Protein backbone atom coordinates (compact mmCIF):
# COMPACT_ATOMS: atom_id res chain seq x y z
CA MET A 1 -5.57 1.62 24.24
CA MET A 2 -8.72 1.16 22.21
CA PRO A 3 -9.24 3.46 19.17
CA CYS A 4 -12.22 5.63 18.59
CA ALA A 5 -15.24 3.89 17.03
CA PHE A 6 -17.43 5.32 14.30
CA ILE A 7 -20.98 4.02 14.04
CA LEU A 8 -22.74 4.48 10.71
CA ALA A 9 -26.35 5.41 11.47
CA ALA A 10 -27.39 7.77 8.73
CA GLY A 11 -29.19 5.35 6.39
CA ARG A 12 -32.91 5.77 5.64
CA GLY A 13 -33.66 2.08 6.10
CA GLU A 14 -35.98 1.87 3.08
CA ARG A 15 -36.42 -1.91 3.36
CA MET A 16 -37.54 -1.50 7.00
CA ARG A 17 -40.44 0.77 6.13
CA PRO A 18 -42.96 1.51 7.55
CA LEU A 19 -41.04 0.94 10.81
CA THR A 20 -38.46 3.53 9.82
CA ASP A 21 -41.05 6.16 8.91
CA ALA A 22 -41.30 7.04 12.62
CA ALA A 23 -37.88 6.05 13.98
CA PRO A 24 -34.32 5.88 12.68
CA LYS A 25 -33.28 2.31 11.97
CA PRO A 26 -30.79 2.04 14.88
CA LEU A 27 -33.60 2.79 17.32
CA LEU A 28 -35.71 -0.16 16.23
CA GLU A 29 -35.87 -2.65 19.10
CA ALA A 30 -34.83 -6.28 19.49
CA GLY A 31 -34.90 -8.04 22.83
CA GLY A 32 -36.59 -5.01 24.34
CA ARG A 33 -33.75 -2.60 23.50
CA PRO A 34 -32.77 -0.41 20.56
CA LEU A 35 -30.25 -1.94 18.17
CA ILE A 36 -27.77 0.88 18.84
CA ASP A 37 -28.06 0.26 22.59
CA TRP A 38 -26.70 -3.25 22.09
CA GLN A 39 -23.91 -1.91 19.92
CA LEU A 40 -22.85 0.80 22.35
CA GLU A 41 -22.91 -1.64 25.25
CA ARG A 42 -20.69 -4.04 23.33
CA LEU A 43 -18.19 -1.40 22.35
CA ALA A 44 -17.96 -0.11 25.96
CA ALA A 45 -17.53 -3.67 27.34
CA CYS A 46 -14.62 -4.17 24.87
CA GLY A 47 -12.84 -1.05 26.13
CA VAL A 48 -13.89 1.63 23.63
CA ARG A 49 -14.30 4.99 25.31
CA ARG A 50 -14.92 7.47 22.44
CA VAL A 51 -17.58 7.01 19.77
CA VAL A 52 -18.65 9.13 16.83
CA ILE A 53 -22.11 8.49 15.31
CA ASN A 54 -23.41 10.02 12.08
CA HIS A 55 -27.07 10.55 11.31
CA ALA A 56 -29.42 12.02 8.77
CA HIS A 57 -33.02 10.61 8.82
CA LEU A 58 -34.70 11.53 12.13
CA GLY A 59 -31.28 12.15 13.64
CA GLU A 60 -32.71 14.30 16.44
CA LYS A 61 -34.46 11.23 17.82
CA LEU A 62 -31.20 9.27 17.78
CA GLU A 63 -29.39 12.03 19.64
CA ALA A 64 -32.20 12.26 22.21
CA ALA A 65 -32.05 8.47 22.82
CA VAL A 66 -28.27 8.16 23.09
CA GLY A 67 -27.28 11.50 24.52
CA ASP A 68 -23.63 11.98 25.38
CA GLY A 69 -23.07 8.21 25.86
CA SER A 70 -22.30 8.56 29.60
CA ARG A 71 -24.75 5.84 30.58
CA TRP A 72 -22.39 3.33 28.87
CA GLY A 73 -19.22 5.07 30.07
CA LEU A 74 -18.68 6.46 26.59
CA SER A 75 -18.09 9.90 25.15
CA VAL A 76 -20.30 10.28 22.07
CA ALA A 77 -19.89 12.94 19.39
CA TRP A 78 -22.30 13.47 16.52
CA SER A 79 -21.64 13.94 12.82
CA ARG A 80 -24.85 15.52 11.45
CA GLU A 81 -25.30 14.98 7.72
CA GLY A 82 -28.77 16.29 6.96
CA GLU A 83 -28.75 14.31 3.73
CA ALA A 84 -27.15 10.88 4.04
CA LEU A 85 -23.73 10.78 2.31
CA GLU A 86 -23.34 6.98 2.04
CA THR A 87 -20.56 5.12 3.93
CA ALA A 88 -17.35 6.63 2.61
CA GLY A 89 -18.94 10.04 2.31
CA GLY A 90 -20.07 9.81 5.93
CA ILE A 91 -16.56 8.92 7.02
CA VAL A 92 -15.10 11.89 5.18
CA LYS A 93 -17.50 14.29 6.88
CA ALA A 94 -16.71 12.80 10.28
CA LEU A 95 -12.91 12.90 9.93
CA PRO A 96 -12.49 16.07 12.03
CA LEU A 97 -14.23 14.27 14.90
CA LEU A 98 -12.40 10.98 14.38
CA GLY A 99 -8.92 12.44 14.50
CA PRO A 100 -5.64 11.33 12.86
CA GLU A 101 -5.41 7.77 14.22
CA PRO A 102 -7.01 4.55 12.88
CA PHE A 103 -10.61 4.10 13.93
CA ILE A 104 -13.04 1.18 14.28
CA LEU A 105 -15.92 1.33 11.81
CA THR A 106 -19.20 -0.47 12.42
CA SER A 107 -22.92 -0.06 11.65
CA GLY A 108 -25.82 0.81 13.88
CA ASP A 109 -27.97 -1.88 12.28
CA ILE A 110 -25.98 -5.01 13.12
CA TRP A 111 -25.99 -7.17 16.24
CA SER A 112 -22.90 -9.19 17.06
CA GLU A 113 -20.87 -10.81 19.80
CA PHE A 114 -17.62 -9.78 18.07
CA ASP A 115 -14.86 -8.82 20.56
CA PHE A 116 -13.82 -5.35 19.45
CA SER A 117 -10.88 -5.37 21.90
CA ARG A 118 -8.99 -7.62 19.46
CA LEU A 119 -8.86 -4.64 17.08
CA ALA A 120 -6.67 -2.55 19.38
CA ALA A 121 -3.46 -4.33 18.21
CA VAL A 122 -4.68 -4.12 14.62
CA ALA A 123 -5.19 -0.35 14.86
CA ALA A 124 -1.76 0.10 16.44
CA ASP A 125 -0.12 -1.84 13.58
CA ILE A 126 -2.00 0.22 10.97
CA ALA A 127 -0.90 3.43 12.74
CA ARG A 128 2.75 2.38 12.53
CA ASP A 129 2.78 2.02 8.73
CA PRO A 130 -0.45 2.82 6.89
CA ALA A 131 1.43 2.69 3.56
CA ARG A 132 1.84 -1.04 4.23
CA ARG A 133 -1.44 -1.85 5.93
CA ALA A 134 -4.21 0.69 5.71
CA ALA A 135 -7.34 -1.24 6.74
CA HIS A 136 -8.61 -4.43 8.30
CA LEU A 137 -12.00 -6.05 7.63
CA VAL A 138 -13.98 -8.56 9.61
CA LEU A 139 -15.73 -11.15 7.41
CA VAL A 140 -18.40 -13.69 8.22
CA ASP A 141 -19.82 -16.78 6.51
CA ASN A 142 -22.32 -15.85 3.84
CA PRO A 143 -25.84 -15.54 5.34
CA PRO A 144 -28.87 -16.86 3.44
CA PHE A 145 -29.83 -13.41 2.24
CA HIS A 146 -26.36 -12.83 0.71
CA PRO A 147 -25.14 -16.19 -0.60
CA ALA A 148 -22.66 -14.75 -3.11
CA GLY A 149 -20.61 -12.94 -0.46
CA ASP A 150 -18.48 -9.86 -1.00
CA MET A 151 -14.79 -10.69 -0.95
CA ALA A 152 -12.26 -13.42 -0.28
CA LEU A 153 -9.63 -13.98 2.39
CA ALA A 154 -6.28 -15.65 1.76
CA GLY A 155 -3.14 -15.57 3.86
CA GLY A 156 -4.58 -12.86 6.09
CA LEU A 157 -5.20 -10.52 3.16
CA VAL A 158 -8.55 -9.52 1.69
CA ARG A 159 -8.77 -10.54 -1.97
CA ARG A 160 -11.22 -9.85 -4.82
CA GLU A 161 -11.00 -13.39 -6.15
CA GLY A 162 -11.51 -16.73 -4.40
CA PRO A 163 -14.14 -18.32 -2.13
CA ARG A 164 -16.14 -15.34 -0.89
CA LEU A 165 -17.19 -14.28 2.56
CA THR A 166 -19.48 -11.44 3.60
CA TYR A 167 -18.24 -8.15 5.00
CA ALA A 168 -19.55 -7.88 8.56
CA ASN A 169 -19.73 -4.10 8.62
CA ILE A 170 -16.89 -4.17 11.11
CA GLY A 171 -13.37 -2.94 10.33
CA VAL A 172 -10.48 -0.63 11.10
CA PHE A 173 -9.49 2.17 8.74
CA HIS A 174 -6.68 4.72 8.63
CA PRO A 175 -8.07 8.23 7.97
CA SER A 176 -5.41 8.86 5.31
CA LEU A 177 -7.34 6.58 2.98
CA PHE A 178 -9.96 9.31 2.62
CA ALA A 179 -7.58 12.21 2.03
CA GLY A 180 -8.49 14.23 -1.03
CA ILE A 181 -12.18 13.46 -0.95
CA ALA A 182 -14.21 16.66 -0.54
CA ALA A 183 -16.50 16.92 2.46
CA GLY A 184 -20.09 16.51 1.32
CA THR A 185 -19.24 13.93 -1.35
CA HIS A 186 -21.72 11.07 -1.79
CA LEU A 187 -19.61 7.93 -1.91
CA ARG A 188 -20.03 4.29 -0.93
CA LEU A 189 -17.16 2.52 0.82
CA PHE A 190 -17.33 -0.36 -1.71
CA PRO A 191 -16.44 -0.65 -4.53
CA TRP A 192 -14.35 2.52 -3.97
CA ALA A 193 -12.13 0.86 -1.32
CA TYR A 194 -11.27 -2.11 -3.49
CA ARG A 195 -8.30 -0.16 -4.84
CA PHE A 196 -6.58 -0.68 -1.52
CA VAL A 197 -7.43 -4.35 -1.60
CA GLU A 198 -5.75 -4.62 -5.00
CA GLU A 199 -2.67 -2.86 -3.55
CA GLY A 200 -2.47 -5.55 -0.87
CA ARG A 201 -2.96 -3.06 1.97
CA VAL A 202 -6.17 -4.58 3.46
CA THR A 203 -5.95 -7.46 5.97
CA GLY A 204 -8.91 -9.41 7.23
CA GLU A 205 -10.19 -12.05 9.61
CA ARG A 206 -13.12 -14.47 9.61
CA PHE A 207 -15.49 -14.19 12.56
CA ALA A 208 -17.53 -17.35 13.26
CA GLY A 209 -19.58 -16.10 16.23
CA ALA A 210 -23.08 -14.64 16.45
CA TRP A 211 -23.72 -11.90 13.90
CA ASP A 212 -26.90 -10.45 12.46
CA ASN A 213 -27.45 -7.82 9.83
CA ILE A 214 -30.84 -6.23 10.32
CA GLY A 215 -32.07 -5.22 6.88
CA THR A 216 -35.73 -6.25 6.86
CA PRO A 217 -38.65 -6.45 9.38
CA ALA A 218 -38.40 -10.26 9.18
CA GLN A 219 -34.72 -10.18 10.21
CA LEU A 220 -35.53 -7.80 13.06
CA ALA A 221 -38.34 -10.10 14.26
CA GLN A 222 -36.03 -13.12 14.13
CA LEU A 223 -33.37 -11.37 16.21
CA ASP A 224 -36.03 -10.16 18.66
CA ARG A 225 -37.29 -13.70 19.20
CA ARG A 226 -33.75 -14.97 19.88
CA LEU A 227 -32.79 -12.16 22.27
CA SER A 228 -36.12 -12.34 24.09
CA ARG A 229 -35.75 -16.00 25.00
């Protein structure tokens, strides 16, 4: 059974302005469709049935576009932030909607052919013993805009040191990691989560397939050209 997925969609998208002055970043289009449309379609095709999405900037437009998710065969719930709480802060606020089991985390501003169904077994293993394995991260080769990478991968474990790869904004997390953080806290996932990496509780994998992080208008245009061919 596939776990619930949480899509981070609350960011203001400052680098995408002026495009994001009138639309939330996940509603910007590539290949004639909103970015989040591609993401929801992919999750549904991989067997996900329940999705939580957070929002802040122009969130009402995102809700109007996605609705209840039924057109993709999904059940969508909304975590409304008002003011964006960053990645970890957004997760903390959404925990009542996510439930007690491990969840898939991804972003509304990436495009990828990653097979989310492979994370079902990962989530089940994390659920069995989160004290041993609490999270799993998908990493990709460093793109031109991020040549230094984020973290290393050795023996199936994410490491701080070594040849670095880039975090793909795809992972699985156990909700117990966020216990004790007050709702409404502004907190980024990294570097906060590196404590669990240092404890040896974060596994990882390298994904070599198609993956795009849409951070600038130029990157959006490049993806649009490729998908429109």
